[in-house]
PDB file of N, CA and C in Angstrom:
ATOM      1  N   UNK A   1     117.309 127.965  62.597  1.00  0.00           N
ATOM      2  CA  UNK A   1     118.692 128.341  62.700  1.00  0.00           C
ATOM      3  C   UNK A   1     119.142 128.140  64.153  1.00  0.00           C
ATOM      4  N   UNK A   2     120.256 127.462  64.313  1.00  0.00           N
ATOM      5  CA  UNK A   2     120.790 127.241  65.653  1.00  0.00           C
ATOM      6  C   UNK A   2     121.681 128.409  66.046  1.00  0.00           C
ATOM      7  N   UNK A   3     121.606 128.747  67.300  1.00  0.00           N
ATOM      8  CA  UNK A   3     122.446 129.825  67.818  1.00  0.00           C
ATOM      9  C   UNK A   3     123.588 129.213  68.603  1.00  0.00           C
ATOM     10  N   UNK A   4     124.807 129.538  68.224  1.00  0.00           N
ATOM     11  CA  UNK A   4     125.966 129.090  68.978  1.00  0.00           C
ATOM     12  C   UNK A   4     126.355 130.199  69.937  1.00  0.00           C
ATOM     13  N   UNK A   5     126.530 129.816  71.184  1.00  0.00           N
ATOM     14  CA  UNK A   5     126.930 130.831  72.141  1.00  0.00           C
ATOM     15  C   UNK A   5     128.417 131.118  71.975  1.00  0.00           C
ATOM     16  N   UNK A   6     128.782 132.313  72.282  1.00  0.00           N
ATOM     17  CA  UNK A   6     130.168 132.733  72.199  1.00  0.00           C
ATOM     18  C   UNK A   6     130.919 132.200  73.412  1.00  0.00           C
ATOM     19  N   UNK A   7     132.095 131.636  73.156  1.00  0.00           N
ATOM     20  CA  UNK A   7     132.913 131.122  74.253  1.00  0.00           C
ATOM     21  C   UNK A   7     133.501 132.273  75.052  1.00  0.00           C
ATOM     22  N   UNK A   8     133.604 132.067  76.346  1.00  0.00           N
ATOM     23  CA  UNK A   8     134.256 133.053  77.189  1.00  0.00           C
ATOM     24  C   UNK A   8     135.767 132.977  76.949  1.00  0.00           C
ATOM     25  N   UNK A   9     136.506 134.004  77.306  1.00  0.00           N
ATOM     26  CA  UNK A   9     137.967 133.932  77.162  1.00  0.00           C
ATOM     27  C   UNK A   9     138.566 132.730  77.905  1.00  0.00           C
ATOM     28  N   UNK A  10     138.035 132.412  79.066  1.00  0.00           N
ATOM     29  CA  UNK A  10     138.553 131.261  79.823  1.00  0.00           C
ATOM     30  C   UNK A  10     138.284 129.954  79.080  1.00  0.00           C
ATOM     31  N   UNK A  11     137.129 129.843  78.446  1.00  0.00           N
ATOM     32  CA  UNK A  11     136.815 128.635  77.677  1.00  0.00           C
ATOM     33  C   UNK A  11     137.706 128.532  76.439  1.00  0.00           C
ATOM     34  N   UNK A  12     137.963 129.653  75.789  1.00  0.00           N
ATOM     35  CA  UNK A  12     138.867 129.663  74.638  1.00  0.00           C
ATOM     36  C   UNK A  12     140.276 129.243  75.058  1.00  0.00           C
ATOM     37  N   UNK A  13     140.745 129.775  76.184  1.00  0.00           N
ATOM     38  CA  UNK A  13     142.065 129.392  76.704  1.00  0.00           C
ATOM     39  C   UNK A  13     142.106 127.902  76.998  1.00  0.00           C
ATOM     40  N   UNK A  14     141.046 127.378  77.603  1.00  0.00           N
ATOM     41  CA  UNK A  14     140.987 125.955  77.930  1.00  0.00           C
ATOM     42  C   UNK A  14     141.055 125.076  76.697  1.00  0.00           C
ATOM     43  N   UNK A  15     140.398 125.505  75.629  1.00  0.00           N
ATOM     44  CA  UNK A  15     140.440 124.732  74.381  1.00  0.00           C
ATOM     45  C   UNK A  15     141.850 124.712  73.791  1.00  0.00           C
ATOM     46  N   UNK A  16     142.522 125.848  73.826  1.00  0.00           N
ATOM     47  CA  UNK A  16     143.888 125.922  73.296  1.00  0.00           C
ATOM     48  C   UNK A  16     144.828 125.089  74.167  1.00  0.00           C
ATOM     49  N   UNK A  17     144.694 125.223  75.489  1.00  0.00           N
ATOM     50  CA  UNK A  17     145.538 124.447  76.405  1.00  0.00           C
ATOM     51  C   UNK A  17     145.339 122.953  76.180  1.00  0.00           C
ATOM     52  N   UNK A  18     144.100 122.545  75.993  1.00  0.00           N
ATOM     53  CA  UNK A  18     143.795 121.135  75.765  1.00  0.00           C
ATOM     54  C   UNK A  18     144.425 120.645  74.462  1.00  0.00           C
ATOM     55  N   UNK A  19     144.368 121.462  73.420  1.00  0.00           N
ATOM     56  CA  UNK A  19     144.964 121.079  72.137  1.00  0.00           C
ATOM     57  C   UNK A  19     146.482 120.955  72.245  1.00  0.00           C
ATOM     58  N   UNK A  20     147.103 121.918  72.911  1.00  0.00           N
ATOM     59  CA  UNK A  20     148.562 121.885  73.072  1.00  0.00           C
ATOM     60  C   UNK A  20     148.968 120.672  73.903  1.00  0.00           C
ATOM     61  N   UNK A  21     148.319 120.472  75.028  1.00  0.00           N
ATOM     62  CA  UNK A  21     148.668 119.338  75.881  1.00  0.00           C
ATOM     63  C   UNK A  21     148.384 118.017  75.172  1.00  0.00           C
ATOM     64  N   UNK A  22     147.335 117.980  74.370  1.00  0.00           N
ATOM     65  CA  UNK A  22     147.027 116.775  73.597  1.00  0.00           C
ATOM     66  C   UNK A  22     148.156 116.403  72.652  1.00  0.00           C
ATOM     67  N   UNK A  23     148.759 117.396  72.015  1.00  0.00           N
ATOM     68  CA  UNK A  23     149.913 117.121  71.150  1.00  0.00           C
ATOM     69  C   UNK A  23     151.060 116.519  71.950  1.00  0.00           C
ATOM     70  N   UNK A  24     151.315 117.107  73.100  1.00  0.00           N
ATOM     71  CA  UNK A  24     152.455 116.664  73.915  1.00  0.00           C
ATOM     72  C   UNK A  24     152.240 115.297  74.537  1.00  0.00           C
ATOM     73  N   UNK A  25     150.975 114.896  74.701  1.00  0.00           N
ATOM     74  CA  UNK A  25     150.662 113.620  75.331  1.00  0.00           C
ATOM     75  C   UNK A  25     150.342 112.505  74.347  1.00  0.00           C
ATOM     76  N   UNK A  26     150.405 112.795  73.062  1.00  0.00           N
ATOM     77  CA  UNK A  26     150.090 111.785  72.057  1.00  0.00           C
ATOM     78  C   UNK A  26     150.980 110.557  72.258  1.00  0.00           C
ATOM     79  N   UNK A  27     150.354 109.420  72.465  1.00  0.00           N
ATOM     80  CA  UNK A  27     151.113 108.181  72.721  1.00  0.00           C
ATOM     81  C   UNK A  27     152.029 107.826  71.560  1.00  0.00           C
ATOM     82  N   UNK A  28     151.611 108.130  70.355  1.00  0.00           N
ATOM     83  CA  UNK A  28     152.403 107.776  69.175  1.00  0.00           C
ATOM     84  C   UNK A  28     153.491 108.784  68.875  1.00  0.00           C
ATOM     85  N   UNK A  29     153.475 109.916  69.557  1.00  0.00           N
ATOM     86  CA  UNK A  29     154.402 110.989  69.186  1.00  0.00           C
ATOM     87  C   UNK A  29     154.920 111.739  70.405  1.00  0.00           C
ATOM     88  N   UNK A  30     155.157 111.022  71.514  1.00  0.00           N
ATOM     89  CA  UNK A  30     155.673 111.694  72.702  1.00  0.00           C
ATOM     90  C   UNK A  30     157.150 111.996  72.505  1.00  0.00           C
ATOM     91  N   UNK A  31     157.463 113.283  72.450  1.00  0.00           N
ATOM     92  CA  UNK A  31     158.819 113.724  72.170  1.00  0.00           C
ATOM     93  C   UNK A  31     158.923 115.190  72.526  1.00  0.00           C
ATOM     94  N   UNK A  32     160.081 115.747  72.318  1.00  0.00           N
ATOM     95  CA  UNK A  32     160.230 117.191  72.427  1.00  0.00           C
ATOM     96  C   UNK A  32     159.525 117.837  71.244  1.00  0.00           C
ATOM     97  N   UNK A  33     158.823 118.911  71.519  1.00  0.00           N
ATOM     98  CA  UNK A  33     158.187 119.699  70.466  1.00  0.00           C
ATOM     99  C   UNK A  33     158.786 121.095  70.506  1.00  0.00           C
ATOM    100  N   UNK A  34     159.057 121.651  69.341  1.00  0.00           N
ATOM    101  CA  UNK A  34     159.486 123.050  69.313  1.00  0.00           C
ATOM    102  C   UNK A  34     158.237 123.927  69.374  1.00  0.00           C
ATOM    103  N   UNK A  35     158.421 125.125  69.882  1.00  0.00           N
ATOM    104  CA  UNK A  35     157.310 126.071  69.941  1.00  0.00           C
ATOM    105  C   UNK A  35     156.769 126.317  68.536  1.00  0.00           C
ATOM    106  N   UNK A  36     157.644 126.387  67.543  1.00  0.00           N
ATOM    107  CA  UNK A  36     157.220 126.605  66.156  1.00  0.00           C
ATOM    108  C   UNK A  36     156.326 125.474  65.649  1.00  0.00           C
ATOM    109  N   UNK A  37     156.669 124.228  65.983  1.00  0.00           N
ATOM    110  CA  UNK A  37     155.843 123.096  65.566  1.00  0.00           C
ATOM    111  C   UNK A  37     154.450 123.184  66.173  1.00  0.00           C
ATOM    112  N   UNK A  38     154.395 123.544  67.437  1.00  0.00           N
ATOM    113  CA  UNK A  38     153.102 123.666  68.114  1.00  0.00           C
ATOM    114  C   UNK A  38     152.286 124.794  67.496  1.00  0.00           C
ATOM    115  N   UNK A  39     152.932 125.900  67.200  1.00  0.00           N
ATOM    116  CA  UNK A  39     152.227 127.022  66.571  1.00  0.00           C
ATOM    117  C   UNK A  39     151.646 126.623  65.227  1.00  0.00           C
ATOM    118  N   UNK A  40     152.390 125.833  64.447  1.00  0.00           N
ATOM    119  CA  UNK A  40     151.877 125.388  63.146  1.00  0.00           C
ATOM    120  C   UNK A  40     150.699 124.427  63.324  1.00  0.00           C
ATOM    121  N   UNK A  41     150.747 123.604  64.345  1.00  0.00           N
ATOM    122  CA  UNK A  41     149.696 122.615  64.555  1.00  0.00           C
ATOM    123  C   UNK A  41     148.444 123.196  65.197  1.00  0.00           C
ATOM    124  N   UNK A  42     148.610 124.190  66.061  1.00  0.00           N
ATOM    125  CA  UNK A  42     147.485 124.683  66.870  1.00  0.00           C
ATOM    126  C   UNK A  42     146.944 126.017  66.401  1.00  0.00           C
ATOM    127  N   UNK A  43     147.800 126.960  66.100  1.00  0.00           N
ATOM    128  CA  UNK A  43     147.254 128.248  65.704  1.00  0.00           C
ATOM    129  C   UNK A  43     148.172 129.412  65.972  1.00  0.00           C
ATOM    130  N   UNK A  44     147.566 130.500  66.329  1.00  0.00           N
ATOM    131  CA  UNK A  44     148.246 131.776  66.479  1.00  0.00           C
ATOM    132  C   UNK A  44     149.396 131.731  67.487  1.00  0.00           C
ATOM    133  N   UNK A  45     150.528 132.354  67.138  1.00  0.00           N
ATOM    134  CA  UNK A  45     151.697 132.352  68.033  1.00  0.00           C
ATOM    135  C   UNK A  45     151.413 132.902  69.429  1.00  0.00           C
ATOM    136  N   UNK A  46     150.691 134.003  69.524  1.00  0.00           N
ATOM    137  CA  UNK A  46     150.390 134.578  70.834  1.00  0.00           C
ATOM    138  C   UNK A  46     149.570 133.648  71.702  1.00  0.00           C
ATOM    139  N   UNK A  47     148.620 132.943  71.079  1.00  0.00           N
ATOM    140  CA  UNK A  47     147.792 132.005  71.826  1.00  0.00           C
ATOM    141  C   UNK A  47     148.620 130.832  72.343  1.00  0.00           C
ATOM    142  N   UNK A  48     149.534 130.338  71.506  1.00  0.00           N
ATOM    143  CA  UNK A  48     150.381 129.214  71.908  1.00  0.00           C
ATOM    144  C   UNK A  48     151.330 129.639  73.021  1.00  0.00           C
ATOM    145  N   UNK A  49     151.911 130.809  72.912  1.00  0.00           N
ATOM    146  CA  UNK A  49     152.811 131.312  73.957  1.00  0.00           C
ATOM    147  C   UNK A  49     152.076 131.402  75.288  1.00  0.00           C
ATOM    148  N   UNK A  50     150.893 131.975  75.281  1.00  0.00           N
ATOM    149  CA  UNK A  50     150.103 132.086  76.510  1.00  0.00           C
ATOM    150  C   UNK A  50     149.755 130.709  77.061  1.00  0.00           C
ATOM    151  N   UNK A  51     149.384 129.795  76.184  1.00  0.00           N
ATOM    152  CA  UNK A  51     149.037 128.444  76.614  1.00  0.00           C
ATOM    153  C   UNK A  51     150.232 127.742  77.254  1.00  0.00           C
ATOM    154  N   UNK A  52     151.390 127.851  76.618  1.00  0.00           N
ATOM    155  CA  UNK A  52     152.589 127.224  77.175  1.00  0.00           C
ATOM    156  C   UNK A  52     152.922 127.812  78.539  1.00  0.00           C
ATOM    157  N   UNK A  53     152.723 129.101  78.709  1.00  0.00           N
ATOM    158  CA  UNK A  53     152.959 129.725  80.014  1.00  0.00           C
ATOM    159  C   UNK A  53     151.993 129.189  81.067  1.00  0.00           C
ATOM    160  N   UNK A  54     150.713 129.037  80.695  1.00  0.00           N
ATOM    161  CA  UNK A  54     149.739 128.497  81.656  1.00  0.00           C
ATOM    162  C   UNK A  54     150.064 127.048  82.015  1.00  0.00           C
ATOM    163  N   UNK A  55     150.379 126.233  81.005  1.00  0.00           N
ATOM    164  CA  UNK A  55     150.689 124.820  81.253  1.00  0.00           C
ATOM    165  C   UNK A  55     151.957 124.670  82.081  1.00  0.00           C
ATOM    166  N   UNK A  56     152.949 125.498  81.822  1.00  0.00           N
ATOM    167  CA  UNK A  56     154.185 125.475  82.606  1.00  0.00           C
ATOM    168  C   UNK A  56     153.904 125.888  84.052  1.00  0.00           C
ATOM    169  N   UNK A  57     153.126 126.929  84.213  1.00  0.00           N
ATOM    170  CA  UNK A  57     152.763 127.396  85.555  1.00  0.00           C
ATOM    171  C   UNK A  57     152.000 126.349  86.351  1.00  0.00           C
ATOM    172  N   UNK A  58     151.245 125.509  85.648  1.00  0.00           N
ATOM    173  CA  UNK A  58     150.487 124.442  86.302  1.00  0.00           C
ATOM    174  C   UNK A  58     151.275 123.158  86.495  1.00  0.00           C
ATOM    175  N   UNK A  59     152.532 123.155  86.079  1.00  0.00           N
ATOM    176  CA  UNK A  59     153.375 121.969  86.256  1.00  0.00           C
ATOM    177  C   UNK A  59     153.089 120.851  85.262  1.00  0.00           C
ATOM    178  N   UNK A  60     152.435 121.175  84.137  1.00  0.00           N
ATOM    179  CA  UNK A  60     152.063 120.136  83.179  1.00  0.00           C
ATOM    180  C   UNK A  60     153.061 119.973  82.042  1.00  0.00           C
ATOM    181  N   UNK A  61     153.983 120.928  81.904  1.00  0.00           N
ATOM    182  CA  UNK A  61     155.016 120.803  80.877  1.00  0.00           C
ATOM    183  C   UNK A  61     156.355 121.271  81.438  1.00  0.00           C
ATOM    184  N   UNK A  62     157.397 120.857  80.747  1.00  0.00           N
ATOM    185  CA  UNK A  62     158.751 121.342  81.007  1.00  0.00           C
ATOM    186  C   UNK A  62     159.187 122.124  79.772  1.00  0.00           C
ATOM    187  N   UNK A  63     160.091 123.079  79.976  1.00  0.00           N
ATOM    188  CA  UNK A  63     160.591 123.895  78.868  1.00  0.00           C
ATOM    189  C   UNK A  63     162.107 123.946  78.909  1.00  0.00           C
ATOM    190  N   UNK A  64     162.694 124.000  77.730  1.00  0.00           N
ATOM    191  CA  UNK A  64     164.129 124.236  77.576  1.00  0.00           C
ATOM    192  C   UNK A  64     164.301 125.005  76.276  1.00  0.00           C
ATOM    193  N   UNK A  65     164.604 126.281  76.398  1.00  0.00           N
ATOM    194  CA  UNK A  65     164.704 127.177  75.241  1.00  0.00           C
ATOM    195  C   UNK A  65     163.388 127.149  74.472  1.00  0.00           C
ATOM    196  N   UNK A  66     163.414 126.756  73.204  1.00  0.00           N
ATOM    197  CA  UNK A  66     162.187 126.747  72.398  1.00  0.00           C
ATOM    198  C   UNK A  66     161.512 125.377  72.377  1.00  0.00           C
ATOM    199  N   UNK A  67     161.949 124.454  73.231  1.00  0.00           N
ATOM    200  CA  UNK A  67     161.389 123.103  73.245  1.00  0.00           C
ATOM    201  C   UNK A  67     160.557 122.878  74.498  1.00  0.00           C
ATOM    202  N   UNK A  68     159.507 122.088  74.337  1.00  0.00           N
ATOM    203  CA  UNK A  68     158.635 121.736  75.463  1.00  0.00           C
ATOM    204  C   UNK A  68     158.305 120.249  75.386  1.00  0.00           C
ATOM    205  N   UNK A  69     157.961 119.675  76.538  1.00  0.00           N
ATOM    206  CA  UNK A  69     157.502 118.296  76.608  1.00  0.00           C
ATOM    207  C   UNK A  69     156.624 118.153  77.837  1.00  0.00           C
ATOM    208  N   UNK A  70     155.798 117.118  77.825  1.00  0.00           N
ATOM    209  CA  UNK A  70     154.864 116.891  78.923  1.00  0.00           C
ATOM    210  C   UNK A  70     155.620 116.471  80.180  1.00  0.00           C
ATOM    211  N   UNK A  71     155.154 116.968  81.314  1.00  0.00           N
ATOM    212  CA  UNK A  71     155.749 116.564  82.590  1.00  0.00           C
ATOM    213  C   UNK A  71     155.286 115.153  82.941  1.00  0.00           C
ATOM    214  N   UNK A  72     155.990 114.538  83.845  1.00  0.00           N
ATOM    215  CA  UNK A  72     155.623 113.198  84.303  1.00  0.00           C
ATOM    216  C   UNK A  72     154.214 113.210  84.898  1.00  0.00           C
ATOM    217  N   UNK A  73     153.886 114.264  85.640  1.00  0.00           N
ATOM    218  CA  UNK A  73     152.552 114.370  86.229  1.00  0.00           C
ATOM    219  C   UNK A  73     151.474 114.396  85.153  1.00  0.00           C
ATOM    220  N   UNK A  74     151.707 115.104  84.056  1.00  0.00           N
ATOM    221  CA  UNK A  74     150.734 115.160  82.964  1.00  0.00           C
ATOM    222  C   UNK A  74     150.582 113.801  82.306  1.00  0.00           C
ATOM    223  N   UNK A  75     151.697 113.116  82.083  1.00  0.00           N
ATOM    224  CA  UNK A  75     151.659 111.793  81.448  1.00  0.00           C
ATOM    225  C   UNK A  75     150.898 110.805  82.320  1.00  0.00           C
ATOM    226  N   UNK A  76     151.206 110.788  83.610  1.00  0.00           N
ATOM    227  CA  UNK A  76     150.533 109.847  84.519  1.00  0.00           C
ATOM    228  C   UNK A  76     149.038 110.158  84.621  1.00  0.00           C
ATOM    229  N   UNK A  77     148.699 111.441  84.713  1.00  0.00           N
ATOM    230  CA  UNK A  77     147.283 111.786  84.826  1.00  0.00           C
ATOM    231  C   UNK A  77     146.533 111.372  83.548  1.00  0.00           C
ATOM    232  N   UNK A  78     147.167 111.472  82.413  1.00  0.00           N
ATOM    233  CA  UNK A  78     146.559 111.032  81.150  1.00  0.00           C
ATOM    234  C   UNK A  78     146.366 109.511  81.163  1.00  0.00           C
ATOM    235  N   UNK A  79     147.373 108.802  81.656  1.00  0.00           N
ATOM    236  CA  UNK A  79     147.305 107.333  81.685  1.00  0.00           C
ATOM    237  C   UNK A  79     146.197 106.820  82.584  1.00  0.00           C
ATOM    238  N   UNK A  80     145.971 107.493  83.725  1.00  0.00           N
ATOM    239  CA  UNK A  80     144.950 107.000  84.649  1.00  0.00           C
ATOM    240  C   UNK A  80     143.599 107.681  84.444  1.00  0.00           C
ATOM    241  N   UNK A  81     143.548 108.590  83.472  1.00  0.00           N
ATOM    242  CA  UNK A  81     142.267 109.178  83.100  1.00  0.00           C
ATOM    243  C   UNK A  81     141.767 110.295  83.978  1.00  0.00           C
ATOM    244  N   UNK A  82     142.674 111.052  84.542  1.00  0.00           N
ATOM    245  CA  UNK A  82     142.254 112.190  85.369  1.00  0.00           C
ATOM    246  C   UNK A  82     141.955 113.365  84.476  1.00  0.00           C
TER     247      UNK A  82
END
């Protein structure tokens, strides 16, 4: 039997942030996303709200009311593989 280690809260946050940012950076679907759409795609509303706050604080997304999109810095870093 394999033992899976429990993720730390920081690792869990990182996984959610990565999933949210991945949606926003999808080359085939780069557009405005509503918070509701992200919640349906990723998971729990509280987790998505916290993730959007972290990504916004880091300058990786822009927000307008209930809509979000990737910042230019996030798009460029994705393109060059940072």
